[in-house]
């Protein structure tokens, strides 16, 4: 990349990190403030209904993700990103004003629709600008915004417990901040210039794009690989504050921080380190990112067994320790998904492909959230539940190693001999 394009490439990452933060802050806030929300809206009632609230967000998010991805591929990634931020920020503000279970269920479903357009477009835009040598590092830096959003969401339990603020105040503030940031984001963000070699590639119609991706064996393996760890990831994000509160007799504030701060900080370290290692490994082999991602998944397996077993020890530190291991592995995994997708699908299908990955992954994540709540209502031991997720992670290691990159990408250094 020349100097000007390099600056633009990193400016895009810098502009999108706050958006990624807001994208996940709202999700984690609701999980962290569960006790206050359920007390304020008694119509929610049982754990399964809470799981349904979490699941409806994911199901609408999942269904709309391929559409959002296709629009970003077909038209303007910049417009899709800014419009998504504006829409979900308005719904975030509205969430702070619901009074019934049905209203909360509806706002979460609409939130899923509005947020579905962001991640595929944002990661595709970053990949457009970062063509190889910096791609995993750039994606990893963007994902740091997600992890920081989860961390800040973990502290929202203190706001919920505060007599001067409360859970509604937190949604009001986050919604207004997002609405304010949408304007400068739209003005400053730019689409990447198209490479001459890419300009002659057709932008396929929706069904043609679907057929091309679904006929790609490596893409299908990537979808499965992307989905299985997400079952654990969503449950850890959505249920861990409530788990730690119940199992270790903590307040909402401490439970929220313990459930997010340490493992998300570890994920930041994992994303930075994993991105650096993946980009360096790619100098020796086009499978470098695949290997780094597989290493991360290998860390997630024992972490899931440990998280499920930790309550039996009676020590919060044990749970936090295994969550840190989970976060480190998650960072290795998370920063390489879009870069691996770029190795198996052409540029005109990146956002659409990631949207399809979200469709499958988050749909299954919604069932995981609902199923986890139902299993908790039936007093199924945590170790048994998390053992299922650990087994899924073992299978995913095998799946990612079966992926075959299509070709060396533009901007990659040739393998050394």
Protein backbone atom coordinates (compact mmCIF):
# COMPACT_ATOMS: atom_id res chain seq x y z
CA UNK A 1 0.00 0.00 0.00
CA UNK A 2 1.21 3.55 -0.70
CA UNK A 3 1.40 6.03 2.16
CA UNK A 4 -1.92 7.75 1.45
CA UNK A 5 -3.85 4.50 1.10
CA UNK A 6 -2.17 3.13 4.23
CA UNK A 7 -3.33 6.15 6.23
CA UNK A 8 -6.84 5.78 4.87
CA UNK A 9 -6.81 2.09 5.73
CA UNK A 10 -5.95 2.72 9.38
CA UNK A 11 -8.33 5.70 9.58
CA UNK A 12 -11.16 3.35 8.60
CA UNK A 13 -10.23 1.04 11.48
CA UNK A 14 -10.04 3.98 13.91
CA UNK A 15 -13.47 5.27 12.84
CA UNK A 16 -15.08 1.86 13.16
CA UNK A 17 -13.68 0.86 16.56
CA UNK A 18 -16.17 3.14 18.44
CA UNK A 19 -19.01 1.76 16.32
CA UNK A 20 -18.01 -1.81 17.20
CA UNK A 21 -17.91 -0.77 20.86
CA UNK A 22 -21.45 0.61 20.73
CA UNK A 23 -22.61 -2.43 18.75
CA UNK A 24 -21.77 -4.76 21.63
CA UNK A 25 -22.21 -2.41 24.59
CA UNK A 26 -25.99 -2.56 24.27
CA UNK A 27 -25.99 -6.37 24.10
CA UNK A 28 -23.84 -6.79 27.19
CA UNK A 29 -25.74 -4.15 29.18
CA UNK A 30 -28.95 -6.11 28.95
CA UNK A 31 -27.24 -9.32 30.10
CA UNK A 32 -25.48 -7.56 32.98
CA UNK A 33 -28.63 -5.76 34.18
CA UNK A 34 -30.84 -8.86 33.99
CA UNK A 35 -31.92 -8.77 37.65
CA UNK A 36 -32.99 -5.12 37.50
CA UNK A 37 -34.80 -5.50 34.20
CA UNK A 38 -36.71 -8.59 35.33
CA UNK A 39 -37.67 -6.87 38.59
CA UNK A 40 -38.86 -3.76 36.76
CA UNK A 41 -40.78 -5.74 34.11
CA UNK A 42 -42.44 -8.59 36.04
CA UNK A 43 -44.11 -9.92 32.90
CA UNK A 44 -40.83 -11.57 31.93
CA UNK A 45 -41.30 -14.10 34.71
CA UNK A 46 -39.14 -17.17 34.13
CA UNK A 47 -35.62 -17.78 32.85
CA UNK A 48 -36.89 -19.27 29.60
CA UNK A 49 -38.63 -15.99 28.75
CA UNK A 50 -35.39 -14.13 29.39
CA UNK A 51 -33.67 -16.60 27.08
CA UNK A 52 -36.36 -15.87 24.49
CA UNK A 53 -35.61 -12.12 24.69
CA UNK A 54 -31.95 -12.86 24.01
CA UNK A 55 -32.83 -15.33 21.28
CA UNK A 56 -35.20 -13.04 19.36
CA UNK A 57 -32.43 -10.49 18.99
CA UNK A 58 -30.20 -13.16 17.51
CA UNK A 59 -32.80 -14.67 15.21
CA UNK A 60 -33.72 -11.35 13.59
CA UNK A 61 -30.05 -10.40 13.46
CA UNK A 62 -29.25 -13.70 11.80
CA UNK A 63 -32.00 -13.57 9.17
CA UNK A 64 -31.12 -10.02 8.11
CA UNK A 65 -27.33 -10.48 8.10
CA UNK A 66 -27.08 -11.96 4.57
CA UNK A 67 -29.32 -9.17 3.26
CA UNK A 68 -27.21 -6.52 4.94
CA UNK A 69 -24.06 -8.18 3.63
CA UNK A 70 -25.42 -8.34 0.09
CA UNK A 71 -26.41 -4.65 0.14
CA UNK A 72 -22.89 -3.77 1.34
CA UNK A 73 -21.38 -5.82 -1.52
CA UNK A 74 -23.81 -4.50 -4.11
CA UNK A 75 -23.91 -0.82 -3.20
CA UNK A 76 -21.99 1.20 -0.58
CA UNK A 77 -20.41 -0.25 2.55
CA UNK A 78 -20.16 3.29 3.96
CA UNK A 79 -23.91 3.95 3.67
CA UNK A 80 -24.83 0.59 5.17
CA UNK A 81 -22.52 1.13 8.16
CA UNK A 82 -23.68 4.66 8.99
CA UNK A 83 -27.36 3.81 8.48
CA UNK A 84 -27.09 0.77 10.72
CA UNK A 85 -25.49 2.79 13.52
CA UNK A 86 -28.20 5.45 13.36
CA UNK A 87 -31.03 2.89 13.38
CA UNK A 88 -29.77 0.74 16.26
CA UNK A 89 -28.94 3.80 18.35
CA UNK A 90 -32.54 4.98 18.04
CA UNK A 91 -33.77 1.55 19.13
CA UNK A 92 -31.28 1.53 22.03
CA UNK A 93 -32.82 4.75 23.30
CA UNK A 94 -36.33 3.33 22.85
CA UNK A 95 -35.38 0.20 24.85
CA UNK A 96 -34.94 2.40 27.91
CA UNK A 97 -38.63 3.33 27.72
CA UNK A 98 -40.34 -0.07 27.44
CA UNK A 99 -42.75 -1.12 30.19
CA UNK A 100 -43.89 -4.65 29.25
CA UNK A 101 -42.33 -7.98 28.34
CA UNK A 102 -43.88 -7.80 24.87
CA UNK A 103 -42.40 -4.35 24.25
CA UNK A 104 -38.94 -5.47 25.35
CA UNK A 105 -39.21 -8.54 23.13
CA UNK A 106 -40.17 -6.31 20.19
CA UNK A 107 -37.37 -3.78 20.71
CA UNK A 108 -34.79 -6.54 20.93
CA UNK A 109 -36.09 -8.07 17.72
CA UNK A 110 -35.91 -4.70 15.95
CA UNK A 111 -32.47 -4.15 17.42
CA UNK A 112 -31.37 -7.39 15.78
CA UNK A 113 -32.62 -6.11 12.42
CA UNK A 114 -30.81 -2.79 12.69
CA UNK A 115 -27.50 -4.22 13.95
CA UNK A 116 -27.43 -7.01 11.36
CA UNK A 117 -26.20 -4.65 8.66
CA UNK A 118 -23.06 -3.49 10.47
CA UNK A 119 -20.56 -6.31 11.07
CA UNK A 120 -20.51 -7.84 7.53
CA UNK A 121 -20.12 -4.39 5.95
CA UNK A 122 -17.51 -3.17 8.45
CA UNK A 123 -15.27 -6.23 8.23
CA UNK A 124 -15.55 -6.29 4.44
CA UNK A 125 -14.58 -2.60 4.29
CA UNK A 126 -11.53 -3.24 6.49
CA UNK A 127 -10.56 -6.20 4.29
CA UNK A 128 -10.94 -3.99 1.19
CA UNK A 129 -8.39 -1.52 2.57
CA UNK A 130 -6.04 -4.04 4.19
CA UNK A 131 -5.00 -6.33 1.36
CA UNK A 132 -2.95 -9.05 2.98
CA UNK A 133 0.04 -8.11 5.14
CA UNK A 134 -2.01 -6.17 7.72
CA UNK A 135 -5.40 -7.81 7.35
CA UNK A 136 -5.53 -9.94 10.51
CA UNK A 137 -4.01 -7.14 12.60
CA UNK A 138 -6.58 -4.64 11.29
CA UNK A 139 -9.51 -6.97 11.93
CA UNK A 140 -8.09 -7.71 15.38
CA UNK A 141 -7.97 -3.99 16.21
CA UNK A 142 -11.59 -3.61 15.12
CA UNK A 143 -12.59 -6.55 17.28
CA UNK A 144 -10.93 -4.79 20.22
CA UNK A 145 -13.80 -2.31 20.02
CA UNK A 146 -16.23 -5.19 20.46
CA UNK A 147 -14.35 -6.47 23.50
CA UNK A 148 -14.21 -2.98 25.05
CA UNK A 149 -17.96 -2.68 24.50
CA UNK A 150 -18.53 -5.92 26.38
CA UNK A 151 -16.25 -4.72 29.19
CA UNK A 152 -18.10 -1.41 29.53
CA UNK A 153 -21.37 -3.32 29.42
CA UNK A 154 -20.11 -5.37 32.34
CA UNK A 155 -19.82 -2.22 34.45
CA UNK A 156 -23.43 -1.29 33.67
CA UNK A 157 -24.54 -3.47 36.57
CA UNK A 158 -23.33 -0.71 38.88
CA UNK A 159 -25.50 1.80 36.99
CA UNK A 160 -28.48 -0.55 37.32
CA UNK A 161 -27.94 -0.82 41.08
CA UNK A 162 -27.55 2.96 41.45
CA UNK A 163 -30.51 4.87 42.88
CA UNK A 164 -29.50 7.91 40.80
CA UNK A 165 -29.28 6.16 37.46
CA UNK A 166 -30.77 2.70 36.79
CA UNK A 167 -30.91 0.45 33.77
CA UNK A 168 -33.12 2.79 31.72
CA UNK A 169 -30.63 5.64 32.07
CA UNK A 170 -27.88 3.47 30.59
CA UNK A 171 -29.90 2.72 27.47
CA UNK A 172 -30.84 6.40 27.07
CA UNK A 173 -27.21 7.55 27.20
CA UNK A 174 -25.88 4.88 24.81
CA UNK A 175 -28.63 5.56 22.31
CA UNK A 176 -27.94 9.30 22.26
CA UNK A 177 -24.17 8.79 21.92
CA UNK A 178 -24.68 6.52 18.91
CA UNK A 179 -27.05 8.97 17.23
CA UNK A 180 -24.51 11.76 17.69
CA UNK A 181 -21.60 9.70 16.29
CA UNK A 182 -23.51 8.56 13.20
CA UNK A 183 -23.21 12.01 11.59
CA UNK A 184 -19.40 12.47 11.66
CA UNK A 185 -18.97 8.79 10.79
CA UNK A 186 -20.98 9.25 7.59
CA UNK A 187 -18.98 12.36 6.67
CA UNK A 188 -15.52 10.90 7.31
CA UNK A 189 -15.86 7.24 6.25
CA UNK A 190 -14.99 6.32 2.66
CA UNK A 191 -15.34 3.21 0.54
CA UNK A 192 -12.09 1.60 -0.63
CA UNK A 193 -10.91 2.30 -4.18
CA UNK A 194 -11.50 -0.75 -6.33
CA UNK A 195 -8.46 -2.53 -7.67
CA UNK A 196 -8.26 -2.71 -11.46
CA UNK A 197 -8.08 -6.49 -11.32
CA UNK A 198 -11.32 -6.54 -9.31
CA UNK A 199 -13.23 -3.96 -11.33
CA UNK A 200 -13.98 -6.45 -14.10
CA UNK A 201 -15.44 -9.03 -11.70
CA UNK A 202 -19.21 -9.19 -11.81
CA UNK A 203 -21.28 -8.17 -8.81
CA UNK A 204 -23.66 -11.14 -8.80
CA UNK A 205 -27.41 -11.03 -8.30
CA UNK A 206 -28.65 -12.30 -4.91
CA UNK A 207 -29.38 -15.88 -5.93
CA UNK A 208 -26.20 -16.13 -8.00
CA UNK A 209 -24.18 -14.95 -5.00
CA UNK A 210 -25.86 -17.56 -2.81
CA UNK A 211 -25.23 -20.33 -5.32
CA UNK A 212 -21.57 -19.42 -5.72
CA UNK A 213 -20.95 -19.38 -1.98
CA UNK A 214 -22.94 -22.52 -1.19
CA UNK A 215 -21.10 -24.42 -3.93
CA UNK A 216 -17.79 -23.56 -2.26
CA UNK A 217 -16.72 -26.44 0.00
CA UNK A 218 -14.23 -24.36 1.97
CA UNK A 219 -16.85 -21.69 2.59
CA UNK A 220 -19.25 -24.29 3.98
CA UNK A 221 -16.51 -25.59 6.28
CA UNK A 222 -15.86 -22.02 7.43
CA UNK A 223 -19.57 -21.53 8.19
CA UNK A 224 -19.58 -24.62 10.39
CA UNK A 225 -16.32 -23.60 12.04
CA UNK A 226 -17.66 -20.10 12.68
CA UNK A 227 -20.88 -21.47 14.19
CA UNK A 228 -19.78 -24.08 16.71
CA UNK A 229 -17.63 -21.83 18.96
CA UNK A 230 -20.28 -19.10 18.80
CA UNK A 231 -22.64 -21.31 20.79
CA UNK A 232 -20.28 -20.99 23.74
CA UNK A 233 -19.42 -17.37 22.97
CA UNK A 234 -22.99 -16.14 23.13
CA UNK A 235 -23.80 -18.06 26.30
CA UNK A 236 -20.66 -16.70 27.99
CA UNK A 237 -21.58 -13.13 26.99
CA UNK A 238 -25.29 -13.36 27.74
CA UNK A 239 -25.48 -15.66 30.75
CA UNK A 240 -22.15 -15.44 32.58
CA UNK A 241 -23.10 -12.36 34.68
CA UNK A 242 -26.20 -14.18 35.93
CA UNK A 243 -24.23 -17.42 36.45
CA UNK A 244 -21.55 -15.77 38.56
CA UNK A 245 -24.14 -13.80 40.53
CA UNK A 246 -26.09 -16.95 41.41
CA UNK A 247 -23.20 -19.38 41.91
CA UNK A 248 -20.90 -17.07 43.91
CA UNK A 249 -23.51 -14.86 45.61
CA UNK A 250 -22.32 -11.60 44.01
CA UNK A 251 -24.01 -8.26 43.40
CA UNK A 252 -24.95 -7.27 39.85
CA UNK A 253 -22.01 -4.89 39.60
CA UNK A 254 -19.28 -7.31 40.66
CA UNK A 255 -20.85 -10.18 38.72
CA UNK A 256 -21.01 -8.09 35.55
CA UNK A 257 -17.41 -6.95 35.84
CA UNK A 258 -16.12 -10.43 36.73
CA UNK A 259 -18.03 -11.91 33.79
CA UNK A 260 -16.69 -9.46 31.21
CA UNK A 261 -13.59 -7.48 32.21
CA UNK A 262 -11.05 -10.29 32.52
CA UNK A 263 -11.94 -12.50 29.59
CA UNK A 264 -12.56 -9.57 27.25
CA UNK A 265 -9.20 -8.07 28.22
CA UNK A 266 -7.66 -11.45 27.44
CA UNK A 267 -9.52 -11.41 24.10
CA UNK A 268 -7.93 -8.05 23.30
CA UNK A 269 -4.51 -9.58 23.96
CA UNK A 270 -5.48 -12.60 21.88
CA UNK A 271 -6.72 -10.49 18.97
CA UNK A 272 -3.55 -8.39 18.87
CA UNK A 273 -1.21 -11.35 19.30
CA UNK A 274 -3.25 -13.62 17.03
CA UNK A 275 -3.40 -10.99 14.29
CA UNK A 276 0.35 -10.41 14.47
CA UNK A 277 1.15 -14.14 14.42
CA UNK A 278 -1.30 -14.86 11.61
CA UNK A 279 0.07 -12.11 9.35
CA UNK A 280 3.65 -13.29 9.98
CA UNK A 281 2.77 -16.96 9.47
CA UNK A 282 1.18 -16.05 6.14
CA UNK A 283 4.68 -15.18 4.89
CA UNK A 284 5.56 -18.88 5.08
CA UNK A 285 2.25 -20.50 4.13
CA UNK A 286 -1.21 -19.41 2.94
CA UNK A 287 -2.60 -21.53 5.77
CA UNK A 288 -1.02 -19.31 8.44
CA UNK A 289 -4.29 -17.75 9.56
CA UNK A 290 -5.97 -21.15 9.66
CA UNK A 291 -3.27 -22.50 11.97
CA UNK A 292 -3.44 -19.53 14.35
CA UNK A 293 -7.23 -19.78 14.50
CA UNK A 294 -7.01 -23.51 15.25
CA UNK A 295 -4.59 -22.80 18.12
CA UNK A 296 -7.11 -20.37 19.58
CA UNK A 297 -9.87 -22.94 19.36
CA UNK A 298 -7.66 -25.46 21.14
CA UNK A 299 -7.51 -23.05 24.09
CA UNK A 300 -11.30 -22.68 24.16
CA UNK A 301 -11.86 -26.42 24.69
CA UNK A 302 -10.33 -26.73 28.20
CA UNK A 303 -11.69 -23.30 29.07
CA UNK A 304 -15.27 -24.49 28.57
CA UNK A 305 -14.78 -27.56 30.73
CA UNK A 306 -13.19 -25.38 33.40
CA UNK A 307 -15.93 -22.73 33.39
CA UNK A 308 -18.53 -25.44 33.88
CA UNK A 309 -16.60 -27.03 36.74
CA UNK A 310 -15.55 -23.80 38.55
CA UNK A 311 -18.71 -23.37 40.70
CA UNK A 312 -17.99 -26.73 42.32
CA UNK A 313 -14.72 -25.31 43.68
CA UNK A 314 -16.49 -22.39 45.38
CA UNK A 315 -13.74 -20.03 44.21
CA UNK A 316 -14.59 -17.15 41.87
CA UNK A 317 -10.91 -16.94 40.90
CA UNK A 318 -11.11 -20.37 39.26
CA UNK A 319 -14.00 -19.28 37.06
CA UNK A 320 -12.21 -16.05 36.14
CA UNK A 321 -9.03 -17.95 35.30
CA UNK A 322 -10.79 -20.23 32.84
CA UNK A 323 -12.66 -17.24 31.38
CA UNK A 324 -9.29 -15.59 30.74
CA UNK A 325 -8.15 -18.71 28.87
CA UNK A 326 -11.40 -18.61 26.90
CA UNK A 327 -10.82 -14.95 26.02
CA UNK A 328 -7.29 -15.55 24.80
CA UNK A 329 -8.47 -18.34 22.51
CA UNK A 330 -11.43 -16.28 21.36
CA UNK A 331 -9.15 -13.42 20.27
CA UNK A 332 -7.05 -15.81 18.14
CA UNK A 333 -10.27 -17.13 16.57
CA UNK A 334 -12.10 -13.83 16.12
CA UNK A 335 -9.42 -11.82 14.36
CA UNK A 336 -8.99 -14.41 11.60
CA UNK A 337 -12.54 -15.23 10.48
CA UNK A 338 -12.90 -12.48 7.89
CA UNK A 339 -9.28 -12.90 6.68
CA UNK A 340 -9.90 -16.63 6.16
CA UNK A 341 -13.14 -15.82 4.34
CA UNK A 342 -11.12 -13.54 2.03
CA UNK A 343 -9.00 -16.58 1.15
CA UNK A 344 -11.96 -18.70 0.07
CA UNK A 345 -14.34 -16.14 -1.53
CA UNK A 346 -13.75 -13.31 -3.99
CA UNK A 347 -14.01 -9.64 -2.87
CA UNK A 348 -17.48 -9.08 -4.32
CA UNK A 349 -18.86 -11.75 -1.98
CA UNK A 350 -17.10 -10.90 1.29
CA UNK A 351 -19.91 -9.08 3.07
CA UNK A 352 -22.53 -11.46 1.70
CA UNK A 353 -20.46 -14.43 2.83
CA UNK A 354 -19.99 -13.03 6.30
CA UNK A 355 -23.71 -12.33 6.44
CA UNK A 356 -24.44 -15.97 5.65
CA UNK A 357 -21.97 -17.01 8.35
CA UNK A 358 -23.85 -14.79 10.78
CA UNK A 359 -27.18 -16.25 9.66
CA UNK A 360 -26.17 -19.76 10.64
CA UNK A 361 -24.01 -18.89 13.63
CA UNK A 362 -26.30 -16.44 15.37
CA UNK A 363 -29.45 -18.47 14.65
CA UNK A 364 -27.83 -21.35 16.46
CA UNK A 365 -26.66 -18.92 19.14
CA UNK A 366 -30.27 -17.90 19.72
CA UNK A 367 -31.26 -21.52 20.28
CA UNK A 368 -28.26 -21.89 22.61
CA UNK A 369 -29.45 -18.91 24.68
CA UNK A 370 -33.00 -20.20 24.88
CA UNK A 371 -31.87 -23.76 25.52
CA UNK A 372 -29.48 -22.66 28.25
CA UNK A 373 -32.31 -20.88 30.06
CA UNK A 374 -34.56 -23.91 29.73
CA UNK A 375 -31.85 -26.24 31.03
CA UNK A 376 -31.21 -23.93 33.98
CA UNK A 377 -34.94 -24.00 34.81
CA UNK A 378 -34.62 -27.80 34.93
CA UNK A 379 -31.55 -27.62 37.21
CA UNK A 380 -29.17 -29.29 34.74
CA UNK A 381 -25.61 -29.00 36.15
CA UNK A 382 -23.43 -26.30 34.60
CA UNK A 383 -20.61 -28.76 33.95
CA UNK A 384 -22.91 -30.86 31.79
CA UNK A 385 -24.07 -27.84 29.79
CA UNK A 386 -20.59 -26.45 29.17
CA UNK A 387 -19.25 -29.89 28.29
CA UNK A 388 -21.54 -29.78 25.26
CA UNK A 389 -19.96 -26.52 24.15
CA UNK A 390 -16.46 -27.91 24.72
CA UNK A 391 -17.26 -30.92 22.53
CA UNK A 392 -18.45 -28.59 19.76
CA UNK A 393 -15.15 -26.69 19.97
CA UNK A 394 -13.19 -29.94 19.54
CA UNK A 395 -15.07 -30.65 16.32
CA UNK A 396 -14.47 -27.11 15.06
CA UNK A 397 -10.67 -27.56 15.27
CA UNK A 398 -10.93 -30.40 12.76
CA UNK A 399 -13.21 -28.36 10.48
CA UNK A 400 -10.91 -25.34 10.17
CA UNK A 401 -7.92 -27.52 9.32
CA UNK A 402 -9.91 -28.93 6.36
CA UNK A 403 -10.29 -25.48 4.75
CA UNK A 404 -8.24 -24.96 1.57
CA UNK A 405 -7.38 -21.36 0.57
CA UNK A 406 -8.24 -20.65 -3.05
CA UNK A 407 -5.12 -18.64 -3.93
CA UNK A 408 -2.51 -16.21 -2.64
CA UNK A 409 -4.16 -12.84 -2.13
CA UNK A 410 -3.13 -9.50 -3.53
CA UNK A 411 -0.64 -7.87 -1.22
CA UNK A 412 0.60 -11.04 0.46
CA UNK A 413 4.28 -11.66 0.50
CA UNK A 414 5.20 -14.82 -1.39
CA UNK A 415 6.09 -17.86 0.71
CA UNK A 416 9.74 -18.04 1.67
CA UNK A 417 11.84 -21.00 0.57
